[in-house]
Amino acid sequence: MTTPAVTGHMDLTDGSVPLVRAALRTVLAPYGDDLTGVSCVAAGADSLFAEEVTAIGGRLVAVIPSRDYRAAKVKADHAAVFDHLVEAAEDVVTLPHPTADRDAYEAANAELLRRADRLVAVWDGTPPTGRGGGTADTVEQARRAGLEVDVVWPAGAARRG
């Protein structure tokens, strides 16, 4: 059983979505249904990863950062995907944080890494911002913990803004 977790950018451009999806499919394909993917199912990379895990018959563990995450942070254009993935998850772990804040995100990333044997990072290589809880921070934590990190950033991928 392989248990990859995901971290990645939420702000992928529309044109990047099919590129990232295809790259994730390539990374995950060797595991087939012998796979349990761990994701916070946020918009962007997290949800693309979760969709690909379930598409190949893998099991999904959804880690929700806080009790108010769905109401406070899931935007209307992502709500249906979020709800579908939570419903499809074999296990949903909602962390006890009352609000979705930096502490909740850092705890969620720690939980992802605790449950995983590798990390898939949809990451453009931008260094950490120093605020904690971001993609680069999670990659650094995974590497410090000795986890293999598969960086996914296909040619042509870009972030909004």
N, C-alpha and C. Protein backbone atom coordinates (compact mmCIF):
# COMPACT_ATOMS: atom_id res chain seq x y z
N MET A 1 0.84 -1.18 0.00
CA MET A 1 0.00 0.00 0.00
C MET A 1 0.89 1.24 0.00
N THR A 2 0.63 2.13 -0.92
CA THR A 2 1.33 3.40 -0.99
C THR A 2 0.38 4.49 -0.50
N THR A 3 0.91 5.39 0.32
CA THR A 3 0.08 6.45 0.89
C THR A 3 0.74 7.81 0.64
N PRO A 4 0.48 8.39 -0.53
CA PRO A 4 0.98 9.74 -0.76
C PRO A 4 0.00 10.78 -0.22
N ALA A 5 0.55 11.86 0.28
CA ALA A 5 -0.23 13.04 0.62
C ALA A 5 0.06 14.08 -0.45
N VAL A 6 -0.76 15.11 -0.49
CA VAL A 6 -0.56 16.17 -1.49
C VAL A 6 -0.45 17.52 -0.81
N THR A 7 0.38 18.34 -1.39
CA THR A 7 0.39 19.77 -1.09
C THR A 7 0.51 20.45 -2.43
N GLY A 8 -0.01 21.66 -2.52
CA GLY A 8 0.10 22.34 -3.80
C GLY A 8 -0.63 23.65 -3.84
N HIS A 9 -0.43 24.33 -4.93
CA HIS A 9 -0.98 25.66 -5.11
C HIS A 9 -2.49 25.61 -5.38
N MET A 10 -3.20 26.55 -4.78
CA MET A 10 -4.64 26.68 -4.99
C MET A 10 -4.94 27.56 -6.20
N ASP A 11 -4.00 28.38 -6.59
CA ASP A 11 -4.24 29.43 -7.58
C ASP A 11 -3.74 29.07 -8.98
N LEU A 12 -3.98 27.84 -9.40
CA LEU A 12 -3.58 27.42 -10.74
C LEU A 12 -4.43 28.14 -11.79
N THR A 13 -3.82 28.52 -12.90
CA THR A 13 -4.59 29.11 -13.98
C THR A 13 -5.48 28.03 -14.60
N ASP A 14 -6.54 28.47 -15.28
CA ASP A 14 -7.44 27.51 -15.92
C ASP A 14 -6.68 26.62 -16.91
N GLY A 15 -5.74 27.20 -17.64
CA GLY A 15 -4.97 26.42 -18.59
C GLY A 15 -4.03 25.41 -17.95
N SER A 16 -3.68 25.64 -16.69
CA SER A 16 -2.79 24.72 -15.97
C SER A 16 -3.51 23.47 -15.47
N VAL A 17 -4.80 23.57 -15.25
CA VAL A 17 -5.54 22.46 -14.64
C VAL A 17 -5.38 21.16 -15.42
N PRO A 18 -5.62 21.13 -16.75
CA PRO A 18 -5.44 19.86 -17.46
C PRO A 18 -4.00 19.37 -17.48
N LEU A 19 -3.04 20.30 -17.48
CA LEU A 19 -1.63 19.91 -17.45
C LEU A 19 -1.27 19.25 -16.12
N VAL A 20 -1.71 19.86 -15.03
CA VAL A 20 -1.43 19.32 -13.70
C VAL A 20 -2.17 17.99 -13.52
N ARG A 21 -3.42 17.94 -13.96
CA ARG A 21 -4.20 16.70 -13.84
C ARG A 21 -3.48 15.54 -14.55
N ALA A 22 -3.01 15.78 -15.77
CA ALA A 22 -2.31 14.74 -16.52
C ALA A 22 -1.01 14.33 -15.82
N ALA A 23 -0.29 15.30 -15.29
CA ALA A 23 0.96 14.98 -14.58
C ALA A 23 0.68 14.18 -13.32
N LEU A 24 -0.37 14.53 -12.59
CA LEU A 24 -0.74 13.76 -11.39
C LEU A 24 -1.14 12.34 -11.77
N ARG A 25 -1.88 12.19 -12.84
CA ARG A 25 -2.28 10.86 -13.31
C ARG A 25 -1.04 10.01 -13.58
N THR A 26 -0.03 10.60 -14.19
CA THR A 26 1.22 9.88 -14.48
C THR A 26 1.93 9.47 -13.20
N VAL A 27 1.99 10.38 -12.22
CA VAL A 27 2.66 10.07 -10.95
C VAL A 27 1.92 8.97 -10.18
N LEU A 28 0.59 9.01 -10.20
CA LEU A 28 -0.21 8.07 -9.41
C LEU A 28 -0.46 6.73 -10.10
N ALA A 29 -0.41 6.69 -11.42
CA ALA A 29 -0.76 5.49 -12.18
C ALA A 29 -0.03 4.22 -11.73
N PRO A 30 1.26 4.27 -11.41
CA PRO A 30 1.93 3.02 -11.02
C PRO A 30 1.34 2.35 -9.78
N TYR A 31 0.63 3.10 -8.96
CA TYR A 31 0.10 2.54 -7.71
C TYR A 31 -1.26 1.89 -7.90
N GLY A 32 -1.97 2.25 -8.96
CA GLY A 32 -3.28 1.68 -9.22
C GLY A 32 -4.18 1.77 -8.02
N ASP A 33 -4.91 0.69 -7.75
CA ASP A 33 -5.84 0.72 -6.63
C ASP A 33 -5.16 0.37 -5.30
N ASP A 34 -3.83 0.18 -5.33
CA ASP A 34 -3.07 -0.07 -4.10
C ASP A 34 -2.58 1.27 -3.55
N LEU A 35 -3.51 2.19 -3.35
CA LEU A 35 -3.18 3.57 -3.08
C LEU A 35 -4.19 4.16 -2.11
N THR A 36 -3.68 4.87 -1.12
CA THR A 36 -4.51 5.70 -0.26
C THR A 36 -3.94 7.10 -0.32
N GLY A 37 -4.67 8.03 -0.92
CA GLY A 37 -4.23 9.41 -1.04
C GLY A 37 -4.77 10.24 0.10
N VAL A 38 -3.95 11.15 0.61
CA VAL A 38 -4.33 12.00 1.73
C VAL A 38 -4.32 13.44 1.25
N SER A 39 -5.45 14.13 1.43
CA SER A 39 -5.60 15.48 0.88
C SER A 39 -6.52 16.32 1.76
N CYS A 40 -6.25 17.62 1.78
CA CYS A 40 -7.17 18.56 2.45
C CYS A 40 -8.31 18.98 1.52
N VAL A 41 -8.33 18.49 0.32
CA VAL A 41 -9.34 18.73 -0.71
C VAL A 41 -9.68 20.21 -0.92
N ALA A 42 -8.69 21.07 -0.72
CA ALA A 42 -8.85 22.49 -1.04
C ALA A 42 -8.94 22.66 -2.54
N ALA A 43 -9.35 23.82 -2.99
CA ALA A 43 -9.37 24.13 -4.42
C ALA A 43 -7.96 23.99 -4.98
N GLY A 44 -7.89 23.71 -6.26
CA GLY A 44 -6.59 23.61 -6.92
C GLY A 44 -5.97 22.23 -6.80
N ALA A 45 -4.69 22.21 -6.49
CA ALA A 45 -3.90 20.97 -6.50
C ALA A 45 -4.48 19.87 -5.60
N ASP A 46 -4.94 20.23 -4.41
CA ASP A 46 -5.45 19.23 -3.48
C ASP A 46 -6.62 18.46 -4.08
N SER A 47 -7.55 19.17 -4.68
CA SER A 47 -8.73 18.52 -5.25
C SER A 47 -8.39 17.75 -6.52
N LEU A 48 -7.52 18.30 -7.36
CA LEU A 48 -7.10 17.56 -8.55
C LEU A 48 -6.48 16.23 -8.17
N PHE A 49 -5.62 16.25 -7.17
CA PHE A 49 -4.99 15.02 -6.66
C PHE A 49 -6.06 14.05 -6.17
N ALA A 50 -6.97 14.54 -5.35
CA ALA A 50 -8.02 13.68 -4.78
C ALA A 50 -8.89 13.07 -5.87
N GLU A 51 -9.22 13.86 -6.89
CA GLU A 51 -10.00 13.34 -8.01
C GLU A 51 -9.25 12.24 -8.75
N GLU A 52 -7.96 12.42 -8.95
CA GLU A 52 -7.18 11.41 -9.65
C GLU A 52 -7.02 10.14 -8.81
N VAL A 53 -6.86 10.29 -7.50
CA VAL A 53 -6.78 9.11 -6.62
C VAL A 53 -8.05 8.28 -6.76
N THR A 54 -9.19 8.93 -6.66
CA THR A 54 -10.45 8.18 -6.73
C THR A 54 -10.70 7.65 -8.14
N ALA A 55 -10.26 8.36 -9.17
CA ALA A 55 -10.47 7.91 -10.55
C ALA A 55 -9.77 6.59 -10.84
N ILE A 56 -8.63 6.35 -10.19
CA ILE A 56 -7.91 5.09 -10.45
C ILE A 56 -8.27 4.01 -9.42
N GLY A 57 -9.26 4.28 -8.60
CA GLY A 57 -9.73 3.27 -7.66
C GLY A 57 -9.03 3.29 -6.32
N GLY A 58 -8.24 4.33 -6.07
CA GLY A 58 -7.57 4.44 -4.78
C GLY A 58 -8.53 4.93 -3.71
N ARG A 59 -8.10 4.81 -2.47
CA ARG A 59 -8.88 5.30 -1.34
C ARG A 59 -8.42 6.72 -1.01
N LEU A 60 -9.35 7.52 -0.51
CA LEU A 60 -9.07 8.91 -0.21
C LEU A 60 -9.30 9.16 1.28
N VAL A 61 -8.34 9.83 1.90
CA VAL A 61 -8.50 10.33 3.26
C VAL A 61 -8.51 11.85 3.15
N ALA A 62 -9.61 12.46 3.61
CA ALA A 62 -9.73 13.92 3.59
C ALA A 62 -9.41 14.46 4.97
N VAL A 63 -8.47 15.40 5.02
CA VAL A 63 -8.10 16.05 6.28
C VAL A 63 -8.63 17.48 6.20
N ILE A 64 -9.59 17.79 7.06
CA ILE A 64 -10.23 19.10 7.08
C ILE A 64 -9.58 19.91 8.20
N PRO A 65 -9.00 21.08 7.89
CA PRO A 65 -8.19 21.81 8.87
C PRO A 65 -8.93 22.31 10.12
N SER A 66 -10.22 22.57 10.00
CA SER A 66 -10.93 23.14 11.15
C SER A 66 -12.42 22.82 11.05
N ARG A 67 -13.11 23.01 12.16
CA ARG A 67 -14.55 22.74 12.19
C ARG A 67 -15.33 23.69 11.28
N ASP A 68 -14.84 24.91 11.08
CA ASP A 68 -15.57 25.87 10.26
C ASP A 68 -15.04 25.95 8.82
N TYR A 69 -14.15 25.06 8.43
CA TYR A 69 -13.47 25.18 7.14
C TYR A 69 -14.46 25.24 5.98
N ARG A 70 -15.43 24.33 5.94
CA ARG A 70 -16.38 24.29 4.83
C ARG A 70 -17.13 25.62 4.72
N ALA A 71 -17.65 26.11 5.83
CA ALA A 71 -18.44 27.34 5.81
C ALA A 71 -17.58 28.58 5.58
N ALA A 72 -16.39 28.59 6.14
CA ALA A 72 -15.57 29.81 6.12
C ALA A 72 -14.66 29.93 4.90
N LYS A 73 -14.21 28.81 4.35
CA LYS A 73 -13.16 28.89 3.33
C LYS A 73 -13.50 28.29 1.97
N VAL A 74 -14.50 27.43 1.90
CA VAL A 74 -14.82 26.81 0.61
C VAL A 74 -15.73 27.75 -0.17
N LYS A 75 -15.19 28.27 -1.27
CA LYS A 75 -15.94 29.24 -2.08
C LYS A 75 -17.00 28.51 -2.91
N ALA A 76 -17.99 29.27 -3.32
CA ALA A 76 -19.13 28.71 -4.05
C ALA A 76 -18.70 27.92 -5.29
N ASP A 77 -17.67 28.40 -6.01
CA ASP A 77 -17.27 27.70 -7.23
C ASP A 77 -16.52 26.40 -6.97
N HIS A 78 -16.19 26.12 -5.73
CA HIS A 78 -15.50 24.88 -5.36
C HIS A 78 -16.36 23.97 -4.48
N ALA A 79 -17.48 24.47 -4.01
CA ALA A 79 -18.29 23.75 -3.02
C ALA A 79 -18.74 22.37 -3.50
N ALA A 80 -19.20 22.26 -4.73
CA ALA A 80 -19.69 20.96 -5.22
C ALA A 80 -18.56 19.94 -5.29
N VAL A 81 -17.38 20.37 -5.75
CA VAL A 81 -16.23 19.46 -5.82
C VAL A 81 -15.81 19.06 -4.40
N PHE A 82 -15.71 20.02 -3.51
CA PHE A 82 -15.34 19.74 -2.12
C PHE A 82 -16.31 18.73 -1.50
N ASP A 83 -17.60 19.00 -1.63
CA ASP A 83 -18.60 18.11 -1.04
C ASP A 83 -18.53 16.71 -1.63
N HIS A 84 -18.35 16.63 -2.95
CA HIS A 84 -18.24 15.32 -3.60
C HIS A 84 -17.03 14.54 -3.08
N LEU A 85 -15.90 15.22 -2.95
CA LEU A 85 -14.69 14.53 -2.48
C LEU A 85 -14.80 14.10 -1.02
N VAL A 86 -15.40 14.94 -0.19
CA VAL A 86 -15.60 14.55 1.21
C VAL A 86 -16.52 13.32 1.27
N GLU A 87 -17.55 13.33 0.44
CA GLU A 87 -18.48 12.18 0.40
C GLU A 87 -17.77 10.91 -0.10
N ALA A 88 -16.86 11.08 -1.08
CA ALA A 88 -16.14 9.94 -1.66
C ALA A 88 -15.03 9.41 -0.75
N ALA A 89 -14.61 10.20 0.20
CA ALA A 89 -13.48 9.82 1.06
C ALA A 89 -13.85 8.61 1.94
N GLU A 90 -12.90 7.72 2.06
CA GLU A 90 -13.06 6.56 2.94
C GLU A 90 -13.02 7.00 4.40
N ASP A 91 -12.24 8.04 4.65
CA ASP A 91 -12.09 8.56 6.01
C ASP A 91 -12.02 10.08 5.92
N VAL A 92 -12.75 10.77 6.79
CA VAL A 92 -12.71 12.22 6.87
C VAL A 92 -12.26 12.58 8.28
N VAL A 93 -11.14 13.28 8.36
CA VAL A 93 -10.57 13.69 9.64
C VAL A 93 -10.71 15.20 9.75
N THR A 94 -11.59 15.65 10.63
CA THR A 94 -11.74 17.08 10.86
C THR A 94 -10.96 17.43 12.12
N LEU A 95 -9.98 18.29 11.96
CA LEU A 95 -9.15 18.67 13.10
C LEU A 95 -9.96 19.52 14.07
N PRO A 96 -9.58 19.53 15.35
CA PRO A 96 -10.41 20.19 16.36
C PRO A 96 -10.31 21.72 16.40
N HIS A 97 -9.56 22.31 15.51
CA HIS A 97 -9.45 23.77 15.50
C HIS A 97 -10.82 24.38 15.20
N PRO A 98 -11.22 25.40 15.97
CA PRO A 98 -12.53 26.00 15.73
C PRO A 98 -12.57 26.84 14.46
N THR A 99 -11.44 27.48 14.11
CA THR A 99 -11.42 28.35 12.93
C THR A 99 -10.28 27.99 11.99
N ALA A 100 -10.54 28.24 10.71
CA ALA A 100 -9.55 28.00 9.66
C ALA A 100 -8.56 29.16 9.66
N ASP A 101 -7.44 28.93 10.32
CA ASP A 101 -6.40 29.96 10.40
C ASP A 101 -5.04 29.28 10.20
N ARG A 102 -3.99 30.05 10.31
CA ARG A 102 -2.64 29.53 10.07
C ARG A 102 -2.35 28.31 10.94
N ASP A 103 -2.73 28.35 12.22
CA ASP A 103 -2.51 27.19 13.10
C ASP A 103 -3.23 25.96 12.57
N ALA A 104 -4.45 26.13 12.10
CA ALA A 104 -5.22 25.00 11.57
C ALA A 104 -4.55 24.43 10.32
N TYR A 105 -4.06 25.30 9.45
CA TYR A 105 -3.40 24.83 8.23
C TYR A 105 -2.09 24.10 8.54
N GLU A 106 -1.33 24.63 9.48
CA GLU A 106 -0.09 23.96 9.86
C GLU A 106 -0.37 22.60 10.48
N ALA A 107 -1.42 22.52 11.30
CA ALA A 107 -1.79 21.24 11.91
C ALA A 107 -2.27 20.26 10.84
N ALA A 108 -3.01 20.75 9.86
CA ALA A 108 -3.48 19.89 8.77
C ALA A 108 -2.30 19.34 7.97
N ASN A 109 -1.32 20.20 7.68
CA ASN A 109 -0.14 19.73 6.95
C ASN A 109 0.62 18.69 7.76
N ALA A 110 0.74 18.89 9.06
CA ALA A 110 1.40 17.91 9.91
C ALA A 110 0.65 16.58 9.90
N GLU A 111 -0.67 16.65 9.91
CA GLU A 111 -1.49 15.43 9.86
C GLU A 111 -1.33 14.72 8.52
N LEU A 112 -1.30 15.47 7.43
CA LEU A 112 -1.05 14.88 6.11
C LEU A 112 0.25 14.09 6.12
N LEU A 113 1.31 14.74 6.60
CA LEU A 113 2.63 14.10 6.58
C LEU A 113 2.70 12.92 7.53
N ARG A 114 2.00 12.99 8.65
CA ARG A 114 1.99 11.88 9.61
C ARG A 114 1.36 10.63 8.99
N ARG A 115 0.38 10.82 8.13
CA ARG A 115 -0.34 9.70 7.54
C ARG A 115 0.30 9.17 6.26
N ALA A 116 1.29 9.88 5.72
CA ALA A 116 1.82 9.58 4.39
C ALA A 116 3.16 8.88 4.44
N ASP A 117 3.46 8.17 3.34
CA ASP A 117 4.80 7.63 3.17
C ASP A 117 5.56 8.35 2.06
N ARG A 118 4.90 9.32 1.42
CA ARG A 118 5.55 10.19 0.43
C ARG A 118 4.67 11.42 0.22
N LEU A 119 5.22 12.44 -0.42
CA LEU A 119 4.48 13.66 -0.66
C LEU A 119 4.51 13.98 -2.15
N VAL A 120 3.34 14.29 -2.69
CA VAL A 120 3.24 14.81 -4.05
C VAL A 120 3.02 16.31 -3.92
N ALA A 121 3.94 17.09 -4.49
CA ALA A 121 3.90 18.54 -4.35
C ALA A 121 3.66 19.18 -5.71
N VAL A 122 2.49 19.78 -5.89
CA VAL A 122 2.21 20.56 -7.09
C VAL A 122 2.73 21.95 -6.78
N TRP A 123 3.98 22.16 -7.18
CA TRP A 123 4.76 23.27 -6.65
C TRP A 123 5.64 23.87 -7.73
N ASP A 124 5.60 25.19 -7.82
CA ASP A 124 6.41 25.89 -8.82
C ASP A 124 7.83 26.19 -8.34
N GLY A 125 8.18 25.74 -7.14
CA GLY A 125 9.52 25.93 -6.62
C GLY A 125 9.72 27.22 -5.84
N THR A 126 8.67 28.03 -5.71
CA THR A 126 8.78 29.28 -4.96
C THR A 126 9.16 28.97 -3.51
N PRO A 127 10.14 29.68 -2.95
CA PRO A 127 10.56 29.39 -1.57
C PRO A 127 9.47 29.76 -0.56
N PRO A 128 9.61 29.26 0.67
CA PRO A 128 8.63 29.57 1.71
C PRO A 128 8.52 31.07 1.96
N THR A 129 7.33 31.49 2.34
CA THR A 129 7.08 32.90 2.61
C THR A 129 7.44 33.28 4.04
N GLY A 130 7.61 32.28 4.90
CA GLY A 130 7.90 32.54 6.29
C GLY A 130 6.65 32.59 7.16
N ARG A 131 5.48 32.47 6.52
CA ARG A 131 4.23 32.49 7.28
C ARG A 131 3.83 31.10 7.76
N GLY A 132 4.40 30.07 7.18
CA GLY A 132 4.07 28.71 7.58
C GLY A 132 2.79 28.23 6.92
N GLY A 133 2.68 26.92 6.74
CA GLY A 133 1.46 26.33 6.23
C GLY A 133 1.34 26.27 4.73
N GLY A 134 2.28 26.84 4.00
CA GLY A 134 2.19 26.86 2.55
C GLY A 134 2.84 25.64 1.91
N THR A 135 2.78 25.61 0.59
CA THR A 135 3.31 24.48 -0.17
C THR A 135 4.80 24.27 0.09
N ALA A 136 5.60 25.32 -0.02
CA ALA A 136 7.05 25.18 0.18
C ALA A 136 7.37 24.74 1.60
N ASP A 137 6.61 25.26 2.57
CA ASP A 137 6.82 24.85 3.97
C ASP A 137 6.56 23.35 4.13
N THR A 138 5.51 22.87 3.51
CA THR A 138 5.16 21.45 3.62
C THR A 138 6.21 20.58 2.94
N VAL A 139 6.72 21.02 1.80
CA VAL A 139 7.80 20.28 1.13
C VAL A 139 9.02 20.20 2.05
N GLU A 140 9.39 21.31 2.66
CA GLU A 140 10.54 21.30 3.58
C GLU A 140 10.30 20.36 4.76
N GLN A 141 9.10 20.38 5.33
CA GLN A 141 8.79 19.49 6.46
C GLN A 141 8.86 18.03 6.04
N ALA A 142 8.35 17.72 4.87
CA ALA A 142 8.39 16.34 4.37
C ALA A 142 9.83 15.88 4.19
N ARG A 143 10.65 16.71 3.60
CA ARG A 143 12.05 16.34 3.38
C ARG A 143 12.78 16.16 4.70
N ARG A 144 12.51 17.05 5.67
CA ARG A 144 13.13 16.89 7.00
C ARG A 144 12.69 15.58 7.67
N ALA A 145 11.46 15.16 7.39
CA ALA A 145 10.94 13.93 7.97
C ALA A 145 11.41 12.68 7.20
N GLY A 146 12.14 12.90 6.11
CA GLY A 146 12.67 11.77 5.34
C GLY A 146 11.70 11.21 4.32
N LEU A 147 10.62 11.93 4.02
CA LEU A 147 9.66 11.44 3.02
C LEU A 147 10.17 11.76 1.62
N GLU A 148 9.92 10.85 0.69
CA GLU A 148 10.17 11.13 -0.72
C GLU A 148 9.20 12.22 -1.16
N VAL A 149 9.67 13.14 -2.00
CA VAL A 149 8.82 14.20 -2.51
C VAL A 149 8.84 14.14 -4.04
N ASP A 150 7.65 13.97 -4.62
CA ASP A 150 7.49 14.03 -6.07
C ASP A 150 6.98 15.42 -6.41
N VAL A 151 7.83 16.23 -7.05
CA VAL A 151 7.41 17.58 -7.44
C VAL A 151 6.75 17.48 -8.81
N VAL A 152 5.54 18.03 -8.89
CA VAL A 152 4.76 18.05 -10.12
C VAL A 152 4.59 19.51 -10.53
N TRP A 153 5.23 19.90 -11.61
CA TRP A 153 5.04 21.23 -12.17
C TRP A 153 5.31 21.13 -13.67
N PRO A 154 4.30 20.71 -14.41
CA PRO A 154 4.50 20.45 -15.85
C PRO A 154 4.80 21.72 -16.64
N ALA A 155 5.49 21.55 -17.74
CA ALA A 155 5.76 22.67 -18.65
C ALA A 155 4.45 23.34 -19.01
N GLY A 156 4.44 24.67 -18.92
CA GLY A 156 3.23 25.43 -19.25
C GLY A 156 2.34 25.73 -18.06
N ALA A 157 2.60 25.10 -16.92
CA ALA A 157 1.79 25.37 -15.72
C ALA A 157 2.10 26.77 -15.20
N ALA A 158 1.09 27.42 -14.64
CA ALA A 158 1.26 28.78 -14.12
C ALA A 158 0.23 29.01 -13.02
N ARG A 159 0.54 30.03 -12.22
CA ARG A 159 -0.37 30.45 -11.16
C ARG A 159 -1.02 31.77 -11.56
N ARG A 160 -2.23 31.99 -11.06
CA ARG A 160 -2.91 33.26 -11.31
C ARG A 160 -2.19 34.38 -10.57
N GLY A 161 -2.33 35.57 -11.10
CA GLY A 161 -1.89 36.74 -10.38
C GLY A 161 -0.52 37.16 -10.68
